[in-house]
Amino acid sequence: MTVSYPISLCFKLPVDIVNTPDITASLLDSGYSNPVAKLSTGRRLQVHAAKEGLDPTSVVMSAIARILEVLPAGSTIHEAVIEIEGSVVTLKRQFD
């Protein structure tokens, strides 16, 4: 049985400019619902979406991989937040 997993991702970018419509289009093509991408201060990209899947790990990992394909080289994932059965799980990457 599949479950819908809402996710929020934060990417650190090497530049201040990114094409957010390309990101939302890429997620829509991959079956994510209601994707929203916005650039915030500090070269951070915030992405929110949801997708049905068998497990939360595959939903998050496929979204990260799909987004990194359209981001500039040198972009990295900074934080991933996913809601699992009413609980929120946050994974953060620490930068030097």
PDB file of N, CA and C in Angstrom:
ATOM      1  N   MET A   1       0.842  -1.183   0.000  1.00  0.00           N
ATOM      2  CA  MET A   1       0.000   0.000   0.000  1.00  0.00           C
ATOM      3  C   MET A   1       0.890   1.250   0.000  1.00  0.00           C
ATOM      4  N   THR A   2       0.529   2.198  -0.831  1.00  0.00           N
ATOM      5  CA  THR A   2       1.311   3.432  -0.881  1.00  0.00           C
ATOM      6  C   THR A   2       0.730   4.476   0.060  1.00  0.00           C
ATOM      7  N   VAL A   3       1.609   5.360   0.499  1.00  0.00           N
ATOM      8  CA  VAL A   3       1.255   6.450   1.414  1.00  0.00           C
ATOM      9  C   VAL A   3       1.779   7.738   0.808  1.00  0.00           C
ATOM     10  N   SER A   4       1.071   8.839   1.003  1.00  0.00           N
ATOM     11  CA  SER A   4       1.555  10.137   0.539  1.00  0.00           C
ATOM     12  C   SER A   4       2.499  10.720   1.581  1.00  0.00           C
ATOM     13  N   TYR A   5       3.706  11.068   1.123  1.00  0.00           N
ATOM     14  CA  TYR A   5       4.720  11.627   2.012  1.00  0.00           C
ATOM     15  C   TYR A   5       5.012  13.078   1.631  1.00  0.00           C
ATOM     16  N   PRO A   6       4.616  14.043   2.476  1.00  0.00           N
ATOM     17  CA  PRO A   6       5.003  15.435   2.237  1.00  0.00           C
ATOM     18  C   PRO A   6       6.480  15.618   2.598  1.00  0.00           C
ATOM     19  N   ILE A   7       7.195  16.335   1.732  1.00  0.00           N
ATOM     20  CA  ILE A   7       8.616  16.566   1.983  1.00  0.00           C
ATOM     21  C   ILE A   7       8.950  18.046   1.828  1.00  0.00           C
ATOM     22  N   SER A   8       9.964  18.472   2.544  1.00  0.00           N
ATOM     23  CA  SER A   8      10.551  19.808   2.406  1.00  0.00           C
ATOM     24  C   SER A   8      12.052  19.612   2.309  1.00  0.00           C
ATOM     25  N   LEU A   9      12.641  20.198   1.280  1.00  0.00           N
ATOM     26  CA  LEU A   9      14.068  20.059   1.049  1.00  0.00           C
ATOM     27  C   LEU A   9      14.723  21.427   0.982  1.00  0.00           C
ATOM     28  N   CYS A  10      15.948  21.511   1.455  1.00  0.00           N
ATOM     29  CA  CYS A  10      16.717  22.740   1.371  1.00  0.00           C
ATOM     30  C   CYS A  10      18.060  22.411   0.734  1.00  0.00           C
ATOM     31  N   PHE A  11      18.371  23.125  -0.336  1.00  0.00           N
ATOM     32  CA  PHE A  11      19.629  22.931  -1.048  1.00  0.00           C
ATOM     33  C   PHE A  11      20.507  24.155  -0.887  1.00  0.00           C
ATOM     34  N   LYS A  12      21.806  23.943  -0.790  1.00  0.00           N
ATOM     35  CA  LYS A  12      22.783  25.034  -0.786  1.00  0.00           C
ATOM     36  C   LYS A  12      23.305  25.147  -2.206  1.00  0.00           C
ATOM     37  N   LEU A  13      23.251  26.359  -2.745  1.00  0.00           N
ATOM     38  CA  LEU A  13      23.628  26.605  -4.132  1.00  0.00           C
ATOM     39  C   LEU A  13      24.957  27.338  -4.228  1.00  0.00           C
ATOM     40  N   PRO A  14      25.716  27.098  -5.300  1.00  0.00           N
ATOM     41  CA  PRO A  14      26.974  27.812  -5.491  1.00  0.00           C
ATOM     42  C   PRO A  14      26.773  29.205  -6.091  1.00  0.00           C
ATOM     43  N   VAL A  15      25.566  29.503  -6.550  1.00  0.00           N
ATOM     44  CA  VAL A  15      25.239  30.787  -7.185  1.00  0.00           C
ATOM     45  C   VAL A  15      23.919  31.306  -6.626  1.00  0.00           C
ATOM     46  N   ASP A  16      23.633  32.572  -6.893  1.00  0.00           N
ATOM     47  CA  ASP A  16      22.398  33.185  -6.393  1.00  0.00           C
ATOM     48  C   ASP A  16      21.216  33.056  -7.341  1.00  0.00           C
ATOM     49  N   ILE A  17      21.418  32.435  -8.489  1.00  0.00           N
ATOM     50  CA  ILE A  17      20.362  32.367  -9.498  1.00  0.00           C
ATOM     51  C   ILE A  17      20.065  30.910  -9.821  1.00  0.00           C
ATOM     52  N   VAL A  18      18.776  30.568  -9.880  1.00  0.00           N
ATOM     53  CA  VAL A  18      18.344  29.225 -10.259  1.00  0.00           C
ATOM     54  C   VAL A  18      16.979  29.342 -10.926  1.00  0.00           C
ATOM     55  N   ASN A  19      16.700  28.457 -11.865  1.00  0.00           N
ATOM     56  CA  ASN A  19      15.439  28.480 -12.590  1.00  0.00           C
ATOM     57  C   ASN A  19      14.415  27.614 -11.855  1.00  0.00           C
ATOM     58  N   THR A  20      13.629  28.223 -10.973  1.00  0.00           N
ATOM     59  CA  THR A  20      12.673  27.457 -10.171  1.00  0.00           C
ATOM     60  C   THR A  20      11.585  26.786 -11.009  1.00  0.00           C
ATOM     61  N   PRO A  21      11.123  27.362 -12.135  1.00  0.00           N
ATOM     62  CA  PRO A  21      10.131  26.632 -12.949  1.00  0.00           C
ATOM     63  C   PRO A  21      10.664  25.295 -13.478  1.00  0.00           C
ATOM     64  N   ASP A  22      11.966  25.208 -13.781  1.00  0.00           N
ATOM     65  CA  ASP A  22      12.543  23.935 -14.225  1.00  0.00           C
ATOM     66  C   ASP A  22      12.467  22.893 -13.116  1.00  0.00           C
ATOM     67  N   ILE A  23      12.655  23.323 -11.885  1.00  0.00           N
ATOM     68  CA  ILE A  23      12.625  22.402 -10.745  1.00  0.00           C
ATOM     69  C   ILE A  23      11.219  21.876 -10.533  1.00  0.00           C
ATOM     70  N   THR A  24      10.236  22.775 -10.517  1.00  0.00           N
ATOM     71  CA  THR A  24       8.856  22.319 -10.309  1.00  0.00           C
ATOM     72  C   THR A  24       8.394  21.438 -11.468  1.00  0.00           C
ATOM     73  N   ALA A  25       8.785  21.758 -12.693  1.00  0.00           N
ATOM     74  CA  ALA A  25       8.411  20.935 -13.853  1.00  0.00           C
ATOM     75  C   ALA A  25       9.024  19.541 -13.745  1.00  0.00           C
ATOM     76  N   SER A  26      10.278  19.479 -13.306  1.00  0.00           N
ATOM     77  CA  SER A  26      10.953  18.194 -13.149  1.00  0.00           C
ATOM     78  C   SER A  26      10.249  17.319 -12.114  1.00  0.00           C
ATOM     79  N   LEU A  27       9.833  17.920 -11.006  1.00  0.00           N
ATOM     80  CA  LEU A  27       9.129  17.167  -9.968  1.00  0.00           C
ATOM     81  C   LEU A  27       7.746  16.734 -10.443  1.00  0.00           C
ATOM     82  N   LEU A  28       7.050  17.601 -11.155  1.00  0.00           N
ATOM     83  CA  LEU A  28       5.742  17.227 -11.697  1.00  0.00           C
ATOM     84  C   LEU A  28       5.877  16.040 -12.649  1.00  0.00           C
ATOM     85  N   ASP A  29       6.906  16.069 -13.490  1.00  0.00           N
ATOM     86  CA  ASP A  29       7.147  14.966 -14.425  1.00  0.00           C
ATOM     87  C   ASP A  29       7.435  13.657 -13.701  1.00  0.00           C
ATOM     88  N   SER A  30       7.937  13.749 -12.466  1.00  0.00           N
ATOM     89  CA  SER A  30       8.262  12.555 -11.685  1.00  0.00           C
ATOM     90  C   SER A  30       7.130  12.114 -10.767  1.00  0.00           C
ATOM     91  N   GLY A  31       5.974  12.753 -10.864  1.00  0.00           N
ATOM     92  CA  GLY A  31       4.816  12.332 -10.081  1.00  0.00           C
ATOM     93  C   GLY A  31       4.647  12.999  -8.730  1.00  0.00           C
ATOM     94  N   TYR A  32       5.417  14.044  -8.448  1.00  0.00           N
ATOM     95  CA  TYR A  32       5.261  14.768  -7.186  1.00  0.00           C
ATOM     96  C   TYR A  32       4.093  15.744  -7.331  1.00  0.00           C
ATOM     97  N   SER A  33       3.313  15.896  -6.274  1.00  0.00           N
ATOM     98  CA  SER A  33       2.161  16.795  -6.331  1.00  0.00           C
ATOM     99  C   SER A  33       2.476  18.131  -5.673  1.00  0.00           C
ATOM    100  N   ASN A  34       1.905  19.170  -6.242  1.00  0.00           N
ATOM    101  CA  ASN A  34       2.000  20.536  -5.722  1.00  0.00           C
ATOM    102  C   ASN A  34       3.426  20.985  -5.384  1.00  0.00           C
ATOM    103  N   PRO A  35       4.393  20.781  -6.276  1.00  0.00           N
ATOM    104  CA  PRO A  35       5.747  21.227  -5.947  1.00  0.00           C
ATOM    105  C   PRO A  35       5.862  22.749  -5.953  1.00  0.00           C
ATOM    106  N   VAL A  36       6.578  23.263  -4.964  1.00  0.00           N
ATOM    107  CA  VAL A  36       6.856  24.687  -4.855  1.00  0.00           C
ATOM    108  C   VAL A  36       8.346  24.837  -4.615  1.00  0.00           C
ATOM    109  N   ALA A  37       8.993  25.683  -5.401  1.00  0.00           N
ATOM    110  CA  ALA A  37      10.427  25.936  -5.232  1.00  0.00           C
ATOM    111  C   ALA A  37      10.636  27.437  -5.129  1.00  0.00           C
ATOM    112  N   LYS A  38      11.399  27.854  -4.121  1.00  0.00           N
ATOM    113  CA  LYS A  38      11.692  29.290  -3.989  1.00  0.00           C
ATOM    114  C   LYS A  38      13.106  29.480  -3.472  1.00  0.00           C
ATOM    115  N   LEU A  39      13.729  30.516  -3.976  1.00  0.00           N
ATOM    116  CA  LEU A  39      15.087  30.871  -3.585  1.00  0.00           C
ATOM    117  C   LEU A  39      15.008  31.752  -2.346  1.00  0.00           C
ATOM    118  N   SER A  40      15.802  31.426  -1.336  1.00  0.00           N
ATOM    119  CA  SER A  40      15.827  32.241  -0.120  1.00  0.00           C
ATOM    120  C   SER A  40      17.228  32.818   0.063  1.00  0.00           C
ATOM    121  N   THR A  41      17.413  33.557   1.121  1.00  0.00           N
ATOM    122  CA  THR A  41      18.691  34.216   1.362  1.00  0.00           C
ATOM    123  C   THR A  41      19.788  33.192   1.634  1.00  0.00           C
ATOM    124  N   GLY A  42      21.010  33.603   1.416  1.00  0.00           N
ATOM    125  CA  GLY A  42      22.140  32.734   1.692  1.00  0.00           C
ATOM    126  C   GLY A  42      22.324  31.624   0.679  1.00  0.00           C
ATOM    127  N   ARG A  43      21.874  31.861  -0.568  1.00  0.00           N
ATOM    128  CA  ARG A  43      21.976  30.866  -1.637  1.00  0.00           C
ATOM    129  C   ARG A  43      21.349  29.536  -1.237  1.00  0.00           C
ATOM    130  N   ARG A  44      20.169  29.610  -0.679  1.00  0.00           N
ATOM    131  CA  ARG A  44      19.414  28.424  -0.289  1.00  0.00           C
ATOM    132  C   ARG A  44      18.185  28.308  -1.189  1.00  0.00           C
ATOM    133  N   LEU A  45      17.880  27.086  -1.575  1.00  0.00           N
ATOM    134  CA  LEU A  45      16.687  26.797  -2.353  1.00  0.00           C
ATOM    135  C   LEU A  45      15.783  25.922  -1.507  1.00  0.00           C
ATOM    136  N   GLN A  46      14.552  26.370  -1.291  1.00  0.00           N
ATOM    137  CA  GLN A  46      13.561  25.615  -0.536  1.00  0.00           C
ATOM    138  C   GLN A  46      12.603  24.944  -1.517  1.00  0.00           C
ATOM    139  N   VAL A  47      12.359  23.654  -1.330  1.00  0.00           N
ATOM    140  CA  VAL A  47      11.448  22.914  -2.195  1.00  0.00           C
ATOM    141  C   VAL A  47      10.472  22.143  -1.319  1.00  0.00           C
ATOM    142  N   HIS A  48       9.177  22.263  -1.647  1.00  0.00           N
ATOM    143  CA  HIS A  48       8.123  21.546  -0.927  1.00  0.00           C
ATOM    144  C   HIS A  48       7.310  20.767  -1.951  1.00  0.00           C
ATOM    145  N   ALA A  49       6.981  19.512  -1.628  1.00  0.00           N
ATOM    146  CA  ALA A  49       6.189  18.676  -2.529  1.00  0.00           C
ATOM    147  C   ALA A  49       5.684  17.473  -1.739  1.00  0.00           C
ATOM    148  N   ALA A  50       4.938  16.620  -2.415  1.00  0.00           N
ATOM    149  CA  ALA A  50       4.473  15.367  -1.816  1.00  0.00           C
ATOM    150  C   ALA A  50       4.408  14.313  -2.910  1.00  0.00           C
ATOM    151  N   LYS A  51       4.562  13.054  -2.490  1.00  0.00           N
ATOM    152  CA  LYS A  51       4.466  11.960  -3.448  1.00  0.00           C
ATOM    153  C   LYS A  51       4.052  10.697  -2.722  1.00  0.00           C
ATOM    154  N   GLU A  52       3.254   9.889  -3.403  1.00  0.00           N
ATOM    155  CA  GLU A  52       2.905   8.591  -2.855  1.00  0.00           C
ATOM    156  C   GLU A  52       4.042   7.620  -3.121  1.00  0.00           C
ATOM    157  N   GLY A  53       4.278   6.761  -2.154  1.00  0.00           N
ATOM    158  CA  GLY A  53       5.332   5.771  -2.297  1.00  0.00           C
ATOM    159  C   GLY A  53       5.184   4.672  -1.278  1.00  0.00           C
ATOM    160  N   LEU A  54       5.996   3.643  -1.435  1.00  0.00           N
ATOM    161  CA  LEU A  54       5.967   2.528  -0.498  1.00  0.00           C
ATOM    162  C   LEU A  54       6.752   2.821   0.775  1.00  0.00           C
ATOM    163  N   ASP A  55       7.765   3.697   0.648  1.00  0.00           N
ATOM    164  CA  ASP A  55       8.556   4.037   1.827  1.00  0.00           C
ATOM    165  C   ASP A  55       9.069   5.478   1.699  1.00  0.00           C
ATOM    166  N   PRO A  56       9.268   6.159   2.822  1.00  0.00           N
ATOM    167  CA  PRO A  56       9.675   7.567   2.793  1.00  0.00           C
ATOM    168  C   PRO A  56      11.081   7.779   2.233  1.00  0.00           C
ATOM    169  N   THR A  57      11.973   6.821   2.444  1.00  0.00           N
ATOM    170  CA  THR A  57      13.346   6.979   1.970  1.00  0.00           C
ATOM    171  C   THR A  57      13.400   7.109   0.457  1.00  0.00           C
ATOM    172  N   SER A  58      12.677   6.265  -0.256  1.00  0.00           N
ATOM    173  CA  SER A  58      12.710   6.327  -1.715  1.00  0.00           C
ATOM    174  C   SER A  58      12.075   7.606  -2.231  1.00  0.00           C
ATOM    175  N   VAL A  59      11.050   8.105  -1.551  1.00  0.00           N
ATOM    176  CA  VAL A  59      10.412   9.365  -1.954  1.00  0.00           C
ATOM    177  C   VAL A  59      11.395  10.526  -1.816  1.00  0.00           C
ATOM    178  N   VAL A  60      12.082  10.614  -0.693  1.00  0.00           N
ATOM    179  CA  VAL A  60      13.040  11.699  -0.462  1.00  0.00           C
ATOM    180  C   VAL A  60      14.239  11.578  -1.394  1.00  0.00           C
ATOM    181  N   MET A  61      14.809  10.393  -1.502  1.00  0.00           N
ATOM    182  CA  MET A  61      16.011  10.219  -2.314  1.00  0.00           C
ATOM    183  C   MET A  61      15.752  10.477  -3.791  1.00  0.00           C
ATOM    184  N   SER A  62      14.592  10.066  -4.284  1.00  0.00           N
ATOM    185  CA  SER A  62      14.302  10.318  -5.700  1.00  0.00           C
ATOM    186  C   SER A  62      14.084  11.802  -5.957  1.00  0.00           C
ATOM    187  N   ALA A  63      13.481  12.511  -5.002  1.00  0.00           N
ATOM    188  CA  ALA A  63      13.298  13.955  -5.162  1.00  0.00           C
ATOM    189  C   ALA A  63      14.642  14.669  -5.155  1.00  0.00           C
ATOM    190  N   ILE A  64      15.512  14.300  -4.239  1.00  0.00           N
ATOM    191  CA  ILE A  64      16.841  14.928  -4.173  1.00  0.00           C
ATOM    192  C   ILE A  64      17.598  14.700  -5.476  1.00  0.00           C
ATOM    193  N   ALA A  65      17.612  13.468  -5.949  1.00  0.00           N
ATOM    194  CA  ALA A  65      18.329  13.152  -7.187  1.00  0.00           C
ATOM    195  C   ALA A  65      17.753  13.922  -8.370  1.00  0.00           C
ATOM    196  N   ARG A  66      16.438  13.972  -8.458  1.00  0.00           N
ATOM    197  CA  ARG A  66      15.781  14.663  -9.578  1.00  0.00           C
ATOM    198  C   ARG A  66      16.115  16.161  -9.566  1.00  0.00           C
ATOM    199  N   ILE A  67      16.080  16.777  -8.396  1.00  0.00           N
ATOM    200  CA  ILE A  67      16.355  18.214  -8.287  1.00  0.00           C
ATOM    201  C   ILE A  67      17.819  18.512  -8.578  1.00  0.00           C
ATOM    202  N   LEU A  68      18.730  17.690  -8.053  1.00  0.00           N
ATOM    203  CA  LEU A  68      20.155  17.922  -8.299  1.00  0.00           C
ATOM    204  C   LEU A  68      20.484  17.858  -9.790  1.00  0.00           C
ATOM    205  N   GLU A  69      19.699  17.117 -10.564  1.00  0.00           N
ATOM    206  CA  GLU A  69      19.915  17.041 -12.018  1.00  0.00           C
ATOM    207  C   GLU A  69      19.733  18.395 -12.703  1.00  0.00           C
ATOM    208  N   VAL A  70      18.857  19.241 -12.161  1.00  0.00           N
ATOM    209  CA  VAL A  70      18.566  20.529 -12.812  1.00  0.00           C
ATOM    210  C   VAL A  70      19.222  21.722 -12.111  1.00  0.00           C
ATOM    211  N   LEU A  71      19.901  21.477 -10.994  1.00  0.00           N
ATOM    212  CA  LEU A  71      20.589  22.559 -10.288  1.00  0.00           C
ATOM    213  C   LEU A  71      22.000  22.739 -10.835  1.00  0.00           C
ATOM    214  N   PRO A  72      22.592  23.917 -10.619  1.00  0.00           N
ATOM    215  CA  PRO A  72      23.974  24.138 -11.066  1.00  0.00           C
ATOM    216  C   PRO A  72      24.946  23.161 -10.384  1.00  0.00           C
ATOM    217  N   ALA A  73      26.027  22.836 -11.081  1.00  0.00           N
ATOM    218  CA  ALA A  73      27.065  21.977 -10.504  1.00  0.00           C
ATOM    219  C   ALA A  73      27.560  22.591  -9.199  1.00  0.00           C
ATOM    220  N   GLY A  74      27.805  21.754  -8.224  1.00  0.00           N
ATOM    221  CA  GLY A  74      28.269  22.231  -6.932  1.00  0.00           C
ATOM    222  C   GLY A  74      27.147  22.416  -5.917  1.00  0.00           C
ATOM    223  N   SER A  75      25.896  22.240  -6.333  1.00  0.00           N
ATOM    224  CA  SER A  75      24.761  22.329  -5.411  1.00  0.00           C
ATOM    225  C   SER A  75      24.741  21.087  -4.524  1.00  0.00           C
ATOM    226  N   THR A  76      24.335  21.265  -3.267  1.00  0.00           N
ATOM    227  CA  THR A  76      24.280  20.145  -2.329  1.00  0.00           C
ATOM    228  C   THR A  76      22.990  20.206  -1.523  1.00  0.00           C
ATOM    229  N   ILE A  77      22.575  19.049  -1.036  1.00  0.00           N
ATOM    230  CA  ILE A  77      21.411  19.002  -0.150  1.00  0.00           C
ATOM    231  C   ILE A  77      21.865  19.440   1.237  1.00  0.00           C
ATOM    232  N   HIS A  78      21.082  20.311   1.846  1.00  0.00           N
ATOM    233  CA  HIS A  78      21.417  20.814   3.182  1.00  0.00           C
ATOM    234  C   HIS A  78      20.499  20.195   4.238  1.00  0.00           C
ATOM    235  N   GLU A  79      19.215  20.053   3.891  1.00  0.00           N
ATOM    236  CA  GLU A  79      18.258  19.534   4.864  1.00  0.00           C
ATOM    237  C   GLU A  79      17.111  18.846   4.147  1.00  0.00           C
ATOM    238  N   ALA A  80      16.650  17.743   4.710  1.00  0.00           N
ATOM    239  CA  ALA A  80      15.473  17.038   4.205  1.00  0.00           C
ATOM    240  C   ALA A  80      14.527  16.805   5.372  1.00  0.00           C
ATOM    241  N   VAL A  81      13.272  17.207   5.190  1.00  0.00           N
ATOM    242  CA  VAL A  81      12.247  17.023   6.216  1.00  0.00           C
ATOM    243  C   VAL A  81      11.107  16.243   5.578  1.00  0.00           C
ATOM    244  N   ILE A  82      10.664  15.192   6.251  1.00  0.00           N
ATOM    245  CA  ILE A  82       9.568  14.378   5.733  1.00  0.00           C
ATOM    246  C   ILE A  82       8.615  14.032   6.866  1.00  0.00           C
ATOM    247  N   GLU A  83       7.325  14.049   6.542  1.00  0.00           N
ATOM    248  CA  GLU A  83       6.317  13.677   7.529  1.00  0.00           C
ATOM    249  C   GLU A  83       5.978  12.204   7.341  1.00  0.00           C
ATOM    250  N   ILE A  84       6.113  11.442   8.438  1.00  0.00           N
ATOM    251  CA  ILE A  84       5.841  10.011   8.410  1.00  0.00           C
ATOM    252  C   ILE A  84       4.821   9.699   9.492  1.00  0.00           C
ATOM    253  N   GLU A  85       3.617   9.365   9.072  1.00  0.00           N
ATOM    254  CA  GLU A  85       2.542   8.994   9.989  1.00  0.00           C
ATOM    255  C   GLU A  85       2.391   9.982  11.142  1.00  0.00           C
ATOM    256  N   GLY A  86       2.370  11.260  10.833  1.00  0.00           N
ATOM    257  CA  GLY A  86       2.157  12.293  11.840  1.00  0.00           C
ATOM    258  C   GLY A  86       3.409  12.772  12.541  1.00  0.00           C
ATOM    259  N   SER A  87       4.522  12.087  12.345  1.00  0.00           N
ATOM    260  CA  SER A  87       5.790  12.512  12.935  1.00  0.00           C
ATOM    261  C   SER A  87       6.640  13.180  11.865  1.00  0.00           C
ATOM    262  N   VAL A  88       7.472  14.129  12.286  1.00  0.00           N
ATOM    263  CA  VAL A  88       8.350  14.834  11.361  1.00  0.00           C
ATOM    264  C   VAL A  88       9.778  14.375  11.600  1.00  0.00           C
ATOM    265  N   VAL A  89      10.434  13.961  10.521  1.00  0.00           N
ATOM    266  CA  VAL A  89      11.825  13.520  10.586  1.00  0.00           C
ATOM    267  C   VAL A  89      12.666  14.535   9.810  1.00  0.00           C
ATOM    268  N   THR A  90      13.722  15.052  10.447  1.00  0.00           N
ATOM    269  CA  THR A  90      14.599  16.034   9.820  1.00  0.00           C
ATOM    270  C   THR A  90      16.018  15.484   9.743  1.00  0.00           C
ATOM    271  N   LEU A  91      16.593  15.560   8.539  1.00  0.00           N
ATOM    272  CA  LEU A  91      17.984  15.173   8.329  1.00  0.00           C
ATOM    273  C   LEU A  91      18.731  16.414   7.885  1.00  0.00           C
ATOM    274  N   LYS A  92      19.820  16.744   8.569  1.00  0.00           N
ATOM    275  CA  LYS A  92      20.612  17.933   8.226  1.00  0.00           C
ATOM    276  C   LYS A  92      22.038  17.551   7.906  1.00  0.00           C
ATOM    277  N   ARG A  93      22.594  18.272   6.965  1.00  0.00           N
ATOM    278  CA  ARG A  93      24.003  18.121   6.644  1.00  0.00           C
ATOM    279  C   ARG A  93      24.729  19.340   7.195  1.00  0.00           C
ATOM    280  N   GLN A  94      25.801  19.116   7.893  1.00  0.00           N
ATOM    281  CA  GLN A  94      26.571  20.215   8.468  1.00  0.00           C
ATOM    282  C   GLN A  94      27.654  20.652   7.481  1.00  0.00           C
ATOM    283  N   PHE A  95      27.811  21.951   7.318  1.00  0.00           N
ATOM    284  CA  PHE A  95      28.815  22.494   6.428  1.00  0.00           C
ATOM    285  C   PHE A  95      29.947  23.097   7.227  1.00  0.00           C
ATOM    286  N   ASP A  96      31.162  23.013   6.684  1.00  0.00           N
ATOM    287  CA  ASP A  96      32.326  23.625   7.345  1.00  0.00           C
ATOM    288  C   ASP A  96      32.279  25.126   7.204  1.00  0.00           C
TER     289      ASP A  96
END
